[in-house]
C-alpha atoms as a PDB file:
ATOM      1  CA  MET A   1      14.376 -14.605 -11.237  1.00  0.00           C
ATOM      2  CA  ARG A   2      10.987 -15.982 -10.183  1.00  0.00           C
ATOM      3  CA  VAL A   3       8.251 -13.379 -10.681  1.00  0.00           C
ATOM      4  CA  SER A   4       4.547 -13.517  -9.830  1.00  0.00           C
ATOM      5  CA  LEU A   5       1.664 -11.028  -9.952  1.00  0.00           C
ATOM      6  CA  LEU A   6      -0.751  -9.739  -7.313  1.00  0.00           C
ATOM      7  CA  ASP A   7      -3.906  -8.231  -8.813  1.00  0.00           C
ATOM      8  CA  ARG A   8      -6.179  -6.358  -6.389  1.00  0.00           C
ATOM      9  CA  SER A   9      -8.807  -5.614  -9.067  1.00  0.00           C
ATOM     10  CA  ARG A  10      -8.263  -1.856  -8.847  1.00  0.00           C
ATOM     11  CA  THR A  11     -11.171   0.121 -10.222  1.00  0.00           C
ATOM     12  CA  ARG A  12     -10.825   3.058 -12.616  1.00  0.00           C
ATOM     13  CA  SER A  13     -12.944   6.197 -12.539  1.00  0.00           C
ATOM     14  CA  GLY A  14     -15.882   5.733 -14.879  1.00  0.00           C
ATOM     15  CA  GLU A  15     -15.491   1.946 -15.063  1.00  0.00           C
ATOM     16  CA  ALA A  16     -18.074  -0.564 -13.815  1.00  0.00           C
ATOM     17  CA  ASP A  17     -16.905  -3.051 -11.178  1.00  0.00           C
ATOM     18  CA  ALA A  18     -17.968  -5.965 -13.389  1.00  0.00           C
ATOM     19  CA  GLN A  19     -15.574  -4.752 -16.075  1.00  0.00           C
ATOM     20  CA  THR A  20     -12.781  -4.522 -13.504  1.00  0.00           C
ATOM     21  CA  ILE A  21     -13.332  -8.142 -12.465  1.00  0.00           C
ATOM     22  CA  ALA A  22     -13.482  -9.307 -16.081  1.00  0.00           C
ATOM     23  CA  THR A  23     -10.198  -7.524 -16.752  1.00  0.00           C
ATOM     24  CA  THR A  24      -8.568  -9.298 -13.801  1.00  0.00           C
ATOM     25  CA  VAL A  25      -9.572 -12.662 -15.268  1.00  0.00           C
ATOM     26  CA  GLU A  26      -8.202 -11.726 -18.690  1.00  0.00           C
ATOM     27  CA  ARG A  27      -4.978 -10.495 -17.123  1.00  0.00           C
ATOM     28  CA  ALA A  28      -4.538 -13.853 -15.402  1.00  0.00           C
ATOM     29  CA  VAL A  29      -4.985 -15.647 -18.725  1.00  0.00           C
ATOM     30  CA  ARG A  30      -2.324 -13.413 -20.251  1.00  0.00           C
ATOM     31  CA  ALA A  31      -0.056 -13.940 -17.214  1.00  0.00           C
ATOM     32  CA  GLU A  32      -0.100 -17.673 -17.869  1.00  0.00           C
ATOM     33  CA  GLU A  33       0.754 -17.097 -21.534  1.00  0.00           C
ATOM     34  CA  LEU A  34       3.691 -14.927 -20.458  1.00  0.00           C
ATOM     35  CA  GLY A  35       4.999 -17.616 -18.105  1.00  0.00           C
ATOM     36  CA  PHE A  36       4.459 -16.052 -14.679  1.00  0.00           C
ATOM     37  CA  HIS A  37       4.816 -18.426 -11.739  1.00  0.00           C
ATOM     38  CA  ARG A  38       1.758 -17.341  -9.730  1.00  0.00           C
ATOM     39  CA  PHE A  39      -1.252 -15.064 -10.013  1.00  0.00           C
ATOM     40  CA  TRP A  40      -2.783 -13.959  -6.726  1.00  0.00           C
ATOM     41  CA  THR A  41      -5.964 -12.038  -5.976  1.00  0.00           C
ATOM     42  CA  ALA A  42      -6.925  -9.962  -2.943  1.00  0.00           C
ATOM     43  CA  GLU A  43      -9.704  -9.527  -0.374  1.00  0.00           C
ATOM     44  CA  HIS A  44     -11.069  -6.046   0.333  1.00  0.00           C
ATOM     45  CA  HIS A  45     -14.567  -5.245   1.561  1.00  0.00           C
ATOM     46  CA  ALA A  46     -16.723  -2.239   0.603  1.00  0.00           C
ATOM     47  CA  VAL A  47     -13.736  -0.318  -0.765  1.00  0.00           C
ATOM     48  CA  PRO A  48     -14.696   1.868  -3.774  1.00  0.00           C
ATOM     49  CA  GLY A  49     -11.265   1.489  -5.329  1.00  0.00           C
ATOM     50  CA  ILE A  50     -11.077  -2.321  -5.207  1.00  0.00           C
ATOM     51  CA  ALA A  51     -13.651  -4.675  -6.729  1.00  0.00           C
ATOM     52  CA  SER A  52     -12.328  -7.998  -5.380  1.00  0.00           C
ATOM     53  CA  SER A  53     -14.079  -8.970  -2.147  1.00  0.00           C
ATOM     54  CA  ALA A  54     -13.903 -12.774  -2.429  1.00  0.00           C
ATOM     55  CA  PRO A  55     -10.550 -14.002  -3.775  1.00  0.00           C
ATOM     56  CA  THR A  56     -11.487 -17.681  -3.690  1.00  0.00           C
ATOM     57  CA  VAL A  57     -14.534 -17.059  -5.892  1.00  0.00           C
ATOM     58  CA  LEU A  58     -12.447 -15.017  -8.303  1.00  0.00           C
ATOM     59  CA  LEU A  59      -9.795 -17.743  -8.428  1.00  0.00           C
ATOM     60  CA  ALA A  60     -12.436 -20.301  -9.397  1.00  0.00           C
ATOM     61  CA  ALA A  61     -13.269 -18.181 -12.440  1.00  0.00           C
ATOM     62  CA  ILE A  62      -9.585 -17.743 -13.279  1.00  0.00           C
ATOM     63  CA  GLY A  63      -8.846 -21.426 -12.798  1.00  0.00           C
ATOM     64  CA  ALA A  64     -11.499 -22.329 -15.339  1.00  0.00           C
ATOM     65  CA  ARG A  65      -9.715 -20.168 -17.919  1.00  0.00           C
ATOM     66  CA  THR A  66      -6.139 -21.298 -17.224  1.00  0.00           C
ATOM     67  CA  ARG A  67      -4.232 -24.586 -17.138  1.00  0.00           C
ATOM     68  CA  ASP A  68      -0.884 -24.388 -15.358  1.00  0.00           C
ATOM     69  CA  ILE A  69      -0.209 -21.099 -13.554  1.00  0.00           C
ATOM     70  CA  ARG A  70      -0.400 -21.265  -9.765  1.00  0.00           C
ATOM     71  CA  LEU A  71      -3.342 -19.367  -8.290  1.00  0.00           C
ATOM     72  CA  GLY A  72      -3.416 -17.880  -4.817  1.00  0.00           C
ATOM     73  CA  THR A  73      -5.129 -15.646  -2.317  1.00  0.00           C
ATOM     74  CA  GLY A  74      -3.194 -12.550  -1.415  1.00  0.00           C
ATOM     75  CA  GLY A  75      -4.794 -13.075   0.909  1.00  0.00           C
ATOM     76  CA  VAL A  76      -7.796 -14.393   2.783  1.00  0.00           C
ATOM     77  CA  MET A  77      -8.193 -12.197   5.869  1.00  0.00           C
ATOM     78  CA  VAL A  78      -8.620 -14.809   8.582  1.00  0.00           C
ATOM     79  CA  PRO A  79     -10.384 -12.550  11.147  1.00  0.00           C
ATOM     80  CA  ASN A  80     -13.260 -12.051   8.689  1.00  0.00           C
ATOM     81  CA  HIS A  81     -14.079 -15.756   8.367  1.00  0.00           C
ATOM     82  CA  SER A  82     -14.571 -19.004  10.210  1.00  0.00           C
ATOM     83  CA  PRO A  83     -11.316 -21.011  10.053  1.00  0.00           C
ATOM     84  CA  LEU A  84     -13.335 -24.017   8.872  1.00  0.00           C
ATOM     85  CA  VAL A  85     -14.787 -22.059   5.944  1.00  0.00           C
ATOM     86  CA  VAL A  86     -11.332 -20.758   4.991  1.00  0.00           C
ATOM     87  CA  ALA A  87     -10.012 -24.323   4.910  1.00  0.00           C
ATOM     88  CA  GLU A  88     -13.029 -25.685   3.032  1.00  0.00           C
ATOM     89  CA  GLN A  89     -12.815 -23.057   0.307  1.00  0.00           C
ATOM     90  CA  ALA A  90      -9.094 -23.686  -0.160  1.00  0.00           C
ATOM     91  CA  LEU A  91      -9.644 -27.442  -0.335  1.00  0.00           C
ATOM     92  CA  LEU A  92     -12.450 -27.000  -2.851  1.00  0.00           C
ATOM     93  CA  LEU A  93     -10.176 -24.916  -5.071  1.00  0.00           C
ATOM     94  CA  GLU A  94      -7.482 -27.574  -4.722  1.00  0.00           C
ATOM     95  CA  ALA A  95      -9.972 -30.259  -5.770  1.00  0.00           C
ATOM     96  CA  LEU A  96     -10.917 -28.214  -8.837  1.00  0.00           C
ATOM     97  CA  PHE A  97      -7.350 -27.274  -9.785  1.00  0.00           C
ATOM     98  CA  PRO A  98      -5.002 -29.886  -8.268  1.00  0.00           C
ATOM     99  CA  GLY A  99      -1.485 -28.757  -7.473  1.00  0.00           C
ATOM    100  CA  ARG A 100      -2.108 -25.148  -8.493  1.00  0.00           C
ATOM    101  CA  ILE A 101      -3.502 -23.447  -5.366  1.00  0.00           C
ATOM    102  CA  ASP A 102      -1.706 -21.277  -2.787  1.00  0.00           C
ATOM    103  CA  LEU A 103      -3.511 -20.161   0.369  1.00  0.00           C
ATOM    104  CA  GLY A 104      -2.180 -16.790   1.458  1.00  0.00           C
ATOM    105  CA  LEU A 105      -3.487 -15.755   4.883  1.00  0.00           C
ATOM    106  CA  GLY A 106      -3.580 -12.274   6.398  1.00  0.00           C
ATOM    107  CA  GLY A 107      -4.801 -10.684   9.602  1.00  0.00           C
ATOM    108  CA  SER A 108      -6.208  -7.323   8.514  1.00  0.00           C
ATOM    109  CA  LEU A 109      -9.616  -6.145   9.644  1.00  0.00           C
ATOM    110  CA  GLY A 110     -11.910  -3.941   7.548  1.00  0.00           C
ATOM    111  CA  PHE A 111     -10.653  -0.622   6.158  1.00  0.00           C
ATOM    112  CA  THR A 112     -13.028   1.554   8.226  1.00  0.00           C
ATOM    113  CA  ALA A 113     -15.016   1.191  11.456  1.00  0.00           C
ATOM    114  CA  PRO A 114     -18.371   0.735   9.640  1.00  0.00           C
ATOM    115  CA  ILE A 115     -16.865  -2.020   7.491  1.00  0.00           C
ATOM    116  CA  ARG A 116     -15.379  -3.740  10.532  1.00  0.00           C
ATOM    117  CA  ARG A 117     -18.774  -3.651  12.248  1.00  0.00           C
ATOM    118  CA  ALA A 118     -20.437  -5.067   9.133  1.00  0.00           C
ATOM    119  CA  LEU A 119     -17.903  -7.900   9.079  1.00  0.00           C
ATOM    120  CA  GLY A 120     -18.598  -8.603  12.737  1.00  0.00           C
ATOM    121  CA  ARG A 121     -15.028  -8.071  13.963  1.00  0.00           C
ATOM    122  CA  THR A 122     -14.064  -4.646  15.287  1.00  0.00           C
ATOM    123  CA  VAL A 123     -10.969  -5.599  17.275  1.00  0.00           C
ATOM    124  CA  LEU A 124      -8.444  -8.420  17.224  1.00  0.00           C
ATOM    125  CA  GLY A 125      -7.399  -9.558  20.667  1.00  0.00           C
ATOM    126  CA  GLU A 126      -3.871 -10.588  21.543  1.00  0.00           C
ATOM    127  CA  GLY A 127      -3.180 -14.111  20.376  1.00  0.00           C
ATOM    128  CA  GLU A 128      -6.425 -14.466  18.424  1.00  0.00           C
ATOM    129  CA  TYR A 129      -4.906 -14.234  14.958  1.00  0.00           C
ATOM    130  CA  PRO A 130      -2.138 -16.829  15.551  1.00  0.00           C
ATOM    131  CA  ALA A 131      -4.706 -19.188  17.051  1.00  0.00           C
ATOM    132  CA  GLU A 132      -7.033 -18.793  14.072  1.00  0.00           C
ATOM    133  CA  VAL A 133      -4.207 -19.357  11.580  1.00  0.00           C
ATOM    134  CA  GLU A 134      -3.285 -22.544  13.404  1.00  0.00           C
ATOM    135  CA  ARG A 135      -6.926 -23.616  13.383  1.00  0.00           C
ATOM    136  CA  VAL A 136      -7.047 -23.204   9.587  1.00  0.00           C
ATOM    137  CA  ARG A 137      -3.957 -25.385   9.313  1.00  0.00           C
ATOM    138  CA  GLU A 138      -5.522 -28.046  11.546  1.00  0.00           C
ATOM    139  CA  TYR A 139      -8.577 -28.253   9.316  1.00  0.00           C
ATOM    140  CA  LEU A 140      -6.403 -28.405   6.197  1.00  0.00           C
ATOM    141  CA  SER A 141      -4.274 -31.232   7.559  1.00  0.00           C
ATOM    142  CA  GLY A 142      -7.074 -33.260   9.129  1.00  0.00           C
ATOM    143  CA  ARG A 143      -5.915 -32.606  12.697  1.00  0.00           C
ATOM    144  CA  ALA A 144      -9.150 -30.935  13.836  1.00  0.00           C
ATOM    145  CA  GLY A 145     -12.111 -32.625  15.488  1.00  0.00           C
ATOM    146  CA  ILE A 146     -14.056 -32.688  12.234  1.00  0.00           C
ATOM    147  CA  THR A 147     -12.974 -33.324   8.658  1.00  0.00           C
ATOM    148  CA  ALA A 148     -13.022 -30.396   6.257  1.00  0.00           C
ATOM    149  CA  ARG A 149     -14.283 -31.354   2.811  1.00  0.00           C
ATOM    150  CA  PRO A 150     -13.463 -32.074   0.088  1.00  0.00           C
ATOM    151  CA  SER A 151     -10.832 -34.446   1.419  1.00  0.00           C
ATOM    152  CA  VAL A 152      -7.807 -33.716  -0.782  1.00  0.00           C
ATOM    153  CA  ALA A 153      -4.140 -32.928  -0.271  1.00  0.00           C
ATOM    154  CA  PRO A 154      -4.044 -29.408   1.207  1.00  0.00           C
ATOM    155  CA  PRO A 155      -2.538 -26.471  -0.678  1.00  0.00           C
ATOM    156  CA  PRO A 156       0.546 -24.726   0.731  1.00  0.00           C
ATOM    157  CA  VAL A 157      -0.114 -21.924   3.221  1.00  0.00           C
ATOM    158  CA  PHE A 158       1.688 -18.572   2.987  1.00  0.00           C
ATOM    159  CA  LEU A 159       1.539 -15.932   5.706  1.00  0.00           C
ATOM    160  CA  LEU A 160       1.234 -12.305   4.650  1.00  0.00           C
ATOM    161  CA  ALA A 161       3.627 -10.213   6.717  1.00  0.00           C
ATOM    162  CA  VAL A 162       3.363  -6.836   5.021  1.00  0.00           C
ATOM    163  CA  ARG A 163       3.350  -5.131   8.430  1.00  0.00           C
ATOM    164  CA  GLU A 164       3.418  -7.785  11.149  1.00  0.00           C
ATOM    165  CA  GLY A 165       3.415 -11.553  11.158  1.00  0.00           C
ATOM    166  CA  LEU A 166       6.935 -12.440  10.070  1.00  0.00           C
ATOM    167  CA  ALA A 167       7.804 -13.837  13.493  1.00  0.00           C
ATOM    168  CA  LEU A 168       4.622 -15.917  13.424  1.00  0.00           C
ATOM    169  CA  ALA A 169       5.567 -17.327  10.014  1.00  0.00           C
ATOM    170  CA  ALA A 170       8.934 -18.402  11.423  1.00  0.00           C
ATOM    171  CA  GLU A 171       7.315 -19.969  14.481  1.00  0.00           C
ATOM    172  CA  LEU A 172       4.781 -21.937  12.437  1.00  0.00           C
ATOM    173  CA  GLY A 173       7.239 -22.895   9.707  1.00  0.00           C
ATOM    174  CA  LEU A 174       5.441 -21.108   6.881  1.00  0.00           C
ATOM    175  CA  PRO A 175       6.560 -19.309   3.727  1.00  0.00           C
ATOM    176  CA  ALA A 176       6.107 -15.563   4.164  1.00  0.00           C
ATOM    177  CA  VAL A 177       5.177 -12.651   1.927  1.00  0.00           C
ATOM    178  CA  ILE A 178       6.738  -9.359   2.991  1.00  0.00           C
ATOM    179  CA  GLY A 179       6.243  -5.811   1.786  1.00  0.00           C
ATOM    180  CA  GLY A 180       5.951  -2.215   2.908  1.00  0.00           C
ATOM    181  CA  PRO A 181       8.002  -1.206   5.973  1.00  0.00           C
ATOM    182  CA  VAL A 182       9.187  -4.780   6.546  1.00  0.00           C
ATOM    183  CA  LEU A 183      11.327  -4.529   3.402  1.00  0.00           C
ATOM    184  CA  ARG A 184      13.376  -1.876   5.187  1.00  0.00           C
ATOM    185  CA  ASP A 185      13.782  -3.869   8.407  1.00  0.00           C
ATOM    186  CA  PRO A 186      16.792  -6.167   7.931  1.00  0.00           C
ATOM    187  CA  ASP A 187      16.761  -7.322  11.557  1.00  0.00           C
ATOM    188  CA  ARG A 188      13.201  -8.606  11.321  1.00  0.00           C
ATOM    189  CA  ILE A 189      13.940 -10.331   8.022  1.00  0.00           C
ATOM    190  CA  ALA A 190      17.097 -11.936   9.412  1.00  0.00           C
ATOM    191  CA  ALA A 191      15.139 -13.186  12.420  1.00  0.00           C
ATOM    192  CA  TYR A 192      12.713 -15.003  10.096  1.00  0.00           C
ATOM    193  CA  PHE A 193      15.545 -17.062   8.628  1.00  0.00           C
ATOM    194  CA  GLU A 194      17.270 -17.596  11.983  1.00  0.00           C
ATOM    195  CA  ASP A 195      14.134 -18.530  13.945  1.00  0.00           C
ATOM    196  CA  PHE A 196      12.391 -20.579  11.249  1.00  0.00           C
ATOM    197  CA  ARG A 197      11.076 -23.889  12.552  1.00  0.00           C
ATOM    198  CA  PRO A 198      10.829 -26.444   9.733  1.00  0.00           C
ATOM    199  CA  SER A 199       7.340 -27.860   9.303  1.00  0.00           C
ATOM    200  CA  ARG A 200       5.838 -30.776   7.411  1.00  0.00           C
ATOM    201  CA  THR A 201       4.848 -28.471   4.562  1.00  0.00           C
ATOM    202  CA  ALA A 202       7.888 -26.159   4.560  1.00  0.00           C
ATOM    203  CA  PRO A 203      11.234 -27.731   5.473  1.00  0.00           C
ATOM    204  CA  ALA A 204      13.069 -24.432   4.880  1.00  0.00           C
ATOM    205  CA  PRO A 205      12.216 -20.717   4.977  1.00  0.00           C
ATOM    206  CA  TYR A 206      10.848 -19.185   1.792  1.00  0.00           C
ATOM    207  CA  LEU A 207      10.427 -15.446   1.381  1.00  0.00           C
ATOM    208  CA  VAL A 208       8.286 -13.739  -1.260  1.00  0.00           C
ATOM    209  CA  VAL A 209       8.919 -10.010  -1.718  1.00  0.00           C
ATOM    210  CA  ASN A 210       5.856  -7.910  -2.554  1.00  0.00           C
ATOM    211  CA  VAL A 211       6.576  -4.523  -4.149  1.00  0.00           C
ATOM    212  CA  ASP A 212       4.959  -1.958  -6.443  1.00  0.00           C
ATOM    213  CA  VAL A 213       6.653  -1.873  -9.849  1.00  0.00           C
ATOM    214  CA  SER A 214       6.470   0.545 -12.783  1.00  0.00           C
ATOM    215  CA  VAL A 215       8.458   0.258 -16.015  1.00  0.00           C
ATOM    216  CA  ALA A 216       8.661   2.751 -18.891  1.00  0.00           C
ATOM    217  CA  GLU A 217      11.075   4.084 -21.487  1.00  0.00           C
ATOM    218  CA  THR A 218      12.326   6.721 -19.022  1.00  0.00           C
ATOM    219  CA  GLU A 219      12.505   6.913 -15.246  1.00  0.00           C
ATOM    220  CA  GLU A 220      10.388  10.075 -15.298  1.00  0.00           C
ATOM    221  CA  ARG A 221       7.605   8.336 -17.219  1.00  0.00           C
ATOM    222  CA  ALA A 222       7.752   5.301 -14.932  1.00  0.00           C
ATOM    223  CA  ARG A 223       7.312   7.543 -11.891  1.00  0.00           C
ATOM    224  CA  ASP A 224       4.431   9.342 -13.598  1.00  0.00           C
ATOM    225  CA  LEU A 225       2.669   5.999 -13.980  1.00  0.00           C
ATOM    226  CA  LEU A 226       2.793   5.608 -10.189  1.00  0.00           C
ATOM    227  CA  LEU A 227       0.819   8.816  -9.644  1.00  0.00           C
ATOM    228  CA  PRO A 228      -2.721   7.321  -9.796  1.00  0.00           C
ATOM    229  CA  GLU A 229      -1.962   4.740  -7.103  1.00  0.00           C
ATOM    230  CA  ALA A 230       0.078   7.172  -5.009  1.00  0.00           C
ATOM    231  CA  TRP A 231      -2.721   9.741  -5.101  1.00  0.00           C
ATOM    232  CA  ALA A 232      -5.312   7.116  -4.110  1.00  0.00           C
ATOM    233  CA  TYR A 233      -3.118   6.157  -1.146  1.00  0.00           C
ATOM    234  CA  ALA A 234      -2.667   9.757   0.006  1.00  0.00           C
ATOM    235  CA  ASP A 235      -6.367  10.432  -0.538  1.00  0.00           C
ATOM    236  CA  SER A 236      -7.279   7.454   1.641  1.00  0.00           C
ATOM    237  CA  ARG A 237      -5.180   8.840   4.479  1.00  0.00           C
ATOM    238  CA  GLU A 238      -7.097  12.097   4.285  1.00  0.00           C
ATOM    239  CA  ALA A 239     -10.619  10.974   3.363  1.00  0.00           C
ATOM    240  CA  GLY A 240     -10.707   7.528   5.000  1.00  0.00           C
ATOM    241  CA  GLU A 241     -11.735   5.995   1.699  1.00  0.00           C
ATOM    242  CA  PHE A 242      -9.672   4.209  -0.936  1.00  0.00           C
ATOM    243  CA  ARG A 243     -10.976   5.517  -4.248  1.00  0.00           C
ATOM    244  CA  ALA A 244     -10.825   4.508  -7.908  1.00  0.00           C
ATOM    245  CA  LEU A 245      -7.731   5.295  -9.961  1.00  0.00           C
ATOM    246  CA  ARG A 246      -7.698   8.523 -11.962  1.00  0.00           C
ATOM    247  CA  PRO A 247      -5.719   9.289 -15.138  1.00  0.00           C
ATOM    248  CA  VAL A 248      -2.108  10.426 -14.727  1.00  0.00           C
ATOM    249  CA  GLU A 249      -2.817  13.852 -16.220  1.00  0.00           C
ATOM    250  CA  GLU A 250      -5.702  14.467 -13.807  1.00  0.00           C
ATOM    251  CA  VAL A 251      -3.637  13.426 -10.802  1.00  0.00           C
ATOM    252  CA  ARG A 252      -0.755  15.629 -11.895  1.00  0.00           C
ATOM    253  CA  ARG A 253      -3.165  18.570 -12.032  1.00  0.00           C
ATOM    254  CA  LEU A 254      -4.668  17.763  -8.625  1.00  0.00           C
ATOM    255  CA  LEU A 255      -1.217  17.425  -7.128  1.00  0.00           C
ATOM    256  CA  GLY A 256      -0.230  20.827  -8.492  1.00  0.00           C
ATOM    257  CA  GLU A 257      -3.386  22.426  -7.117  1.00  0.00           C
ATOM    258  CA  THR A 258      -3.251  21.003  -3.603  1.00  0.00           C
ATOM    259  CA  SER A 259      -2.019  23.314  -0.877  1.00  0.00           C
ATOM    260  CA  ARG A 260      -1.477  20.464   1.574  1.00  0.00           C
ATOM    261  CA  ASP A 261       2.226  19.790   1.996  1.00  0.00           C
ATOM    262  CA  ARG A 262       1.437  16.658   3.979  1.00  0.00           C
ATOM    263  CA  LYS A 263      -0.612  15.149   1.154  1.00  0.00           C
ATOM    264  CA  ARG A 264       2.055  16.015  -1.387  1.00  0.00           C
ATOM    265  CA  GLY A 265       4.621  14.370   0.869  1.00  0.00           C
ATOM    266  CA  GLU A 266       2.532  11.215   1.182  1.00  0.00           C
ATOM    267  CA  VAL A 267       2.226  10.974  -2.603  1.00  0.00           C
ATOM    268  CA  HIS A 268       5.970  11.280  -3.131  1.00  0.00           C
ATOM    269  CA  GLY A 269       6.721   9.033  -0.157  1.00  0.00           C
ATOM    270  CA  TRP A 270       4.569   6.273  -1.618  1.00  0.00           C
ATOM    271  CA  MET A 271       6.253   6.662  -4.997  1.00  0.00           C
ATOM    272  CA  ASP A 272       9.695   6.466  -3.389  1.00  0.00           C
ATOM    273  CA  SER A 273       8.772   3.120  -1.814  1.00  0.00           C
ATOM    274  CA  ALA A 274       8.060   1.612  -5.247  1.00  0.00           C
ATOM    275  CA  ILE A 275      10.513   0.383  -7.857  1.00  0.00           C
ATOM    276  CA  ALA A 276      10.205   2.505 -10.994  1.00  0.00           C
ATOM    277  CA  GLY A 277      12.444   3.165 -13.955  1.00  0.00           C
ATOM    278  CA  THR A 278      13.683   1.888 -17.271  1.00  0.00           C
ATOM    279  CA  PRO A 279      13.804  -1.878 -17.872  1.00  0.00           C
ATOM    280  CA  GLU A 280      17.489  -1.975 -16.937  1.00  0.00           C
ATOM    281  CA  GLN A 281      16.953   0.067 -13.765  1.00  0.00           C
ATOM    282  CA  VAL A 282      14.030  -2.064 -12.620  1.00  0.00           C
ATOM    283  CA  ALA A 283      15.831  -5.338 -13.328  1.00  0.00           C
ATOM    284  CA  ASP A 284      18.812  -4.174 -11.269  1.00  0.00           C
ATOM    285  CA  ALA A 285      16.596  -2.887  -8.442  1.00  0.00           C
ATOM    286  CA  LEU A 286      14.618  -6.119  -8.181  1.00  0.00           C
ATOM    287  CA  THR A 287      17.799  -8.192  -8.196  1.00  0.00           C
ATOM    288  CA  ASP A 288      19.211  -6.000  -5.431  1.00  0.00           C
ATOM    289  CA  LEU A 289      15.974  -6.293  -3.433  1.00  0.00           C
ATOM    290  CA  LEU A 290      16.080 -10.089  -3.546  1.00  0.00           C
ATOM    291  CA  ASP A 291      19.757 -10.069  -2.603  1.00  0.00           C
ATOM    292  CA  ARG A 292      19.183  -7.718   0.353  1.00  0.00           C
ATOM    293  CA  THR A 293      16.209  -9.599   1.750  1.00  0.00           C
ATOM    294  CA  GLY A 294      17.150 -13.168   0.916  1.00  0.00           C
ATOM    295  CA  GLY A 295      13.897 -13.393  -1.009  1.00  0.00           C
ATOM    296  CA  SER A 296      13.317 -16.176  -3.514  1.00  0.00           C
ATOM    297  CA  GLU A 297      10.509 -14.563  -5.491  1.00  0.00           C
ATOM    298  CA  VAL A 298       9.039 -11.196  -6.464  1.00  0.00           C
ATOM    299  CA  LEU A 299       5.277 -10.717  -6.112  1.00  0.00           C
ATOM    300  CA  ALA A 300       4.710  -7.571  -8.142  1.00  0.00           C
ATOM    301  CA  ASN A 301       1.924  -5.018  -7.829  1.00  0.00           C
ATOM    302  CA  VAL A 302       1.501  -3.283 -11.179  1.00  0.00           C
ATOM    303  CA  SER A 303      -1.117  -0.565 -10.933  1.00  0.00           C
ATOM    304  CA  THR A 304      -1.803   2.542 -12.984  1.00  0.00           C
ATOM    305  CA  TYR A 305      -4.858   3.991 -14.706  1.00  0.00           C
ATOM    306  CA  ASP A 306      -3.791   3.049 -18.238  1.00  0.00           C
ATOM    307  CA  ARG A 307      -4.226  -0.698 -18.683  1.00  0.00           C
ATOM    308  CA  ASP A 308      -1.973  -0.711 -21.752  1.00  0.00           C
ATOM    309  CA  GLU A 309       0.855   0.438 -19.484  1.00  0.00           C
ATOM    310  CA  VAL A 310       0.027  -2.376 -17.060  1.00  0.00           C
ATOM    311  CA  ARG A 311       0.284  -4.870 -19.925  1.00  0.00           C
ATOM    312  CA  ARG A 312       3.651  -3.484 -21.014  1.00  0.00           C
ATOM    313  CA  THR A 313       5.037  -3.753 -17.494  1.00  0.00           C
ATOM    314  CA  ASP A 314       3.698  -7.310 -17.193  1.00  0.00           C
ATOM    315  CA  GLU A 315       5.497  -8.256 -20.406  1.00  0.00           C
ATOM    316  CA  PHE A 316       8.765  -6.838 -19.125  1.00  0.00           C
ATOM    317  CA  LEU A 317       8.462  -8.551 -15.733  1.00  0.00           C
ATOM    318  CA  ALA A 318       7.781 -11.859 -17.461  1.00  0.00           C
ATOM    319  CA  SER A 319      11.025 -11.483 -19.408  1.00  0.00           C
ATOM    320  CA  LEU A 320      12.987 -11.328 -16.138  1.00  0.00           C
ATOM    321  CA  GLN A 321      12.230 -14.974 -15.422  1.00  0.00           C
ATOM    322  CA  ALA A 322      14.784 -15.963 -18.048  1.00  0.00           C
ATOM    323  CA  ARG A 323      17.557 -14.283 -16.018  1.00  0.00           C
END
């Protein structure tokens, strides 16, 4: 089983953002030691719960500390940037770390209206995102009117299709990363394989499955470890702000005190969408997920307040690559 990690640089209550970023770098170093295939970082702007706003900058720091593990953006949000700048930054990373860079592209706008205004993009018109993705590819391949520098072999492009975009990946002949509701949409997944148009960079479809994972000695404990992230998700739906992770015990207390059935339902709904359990249960569930989707790789989100628990789950996931 091929397993990779997505690290969004989730903040913890009482922790400085600089410490969060430093921990992401150290986790990437450890991921290479454990033998993971890829380590990807994320782009989120002005979100209290996430410290990573510039994945390409963060990858440069990680690349300087590692030797072999593939490094990728999960992803660069194309609407927030000039396509030329996206291509240039990817090419610069490729020049620094040849053969190790993945360029994951997404189409999300900012988390809130003020953030979208600050980024200069409040709406995404029909057809704009596909056109901008294609423009990035033109700059990468030297097919645009100007030459993006440095002039090196371009890194592979992946399209993030956590909600939409899977059909676009098939049309453009790109590997795709799926997650969320798409994992439960077999027709859309089947269409990706059926409609895939081979490209110069991807002669065949390639599907990466992104899922939240929690491993512990018991299923109950594994689900408990999901509580900080689940609460942050439910809180964001209510408050319009994605906040720092809180300890499991604090979240359990808050969950018991809340009188909002809807919020409680969102917490448990998020937890049900994750894969959590004992090592044997998680191994079986991930194998089943790849079988059901036709995926070739797991891109795991491992997120809880206790970083020691994150490390233990990372170690288990790394062991799956021998299967």
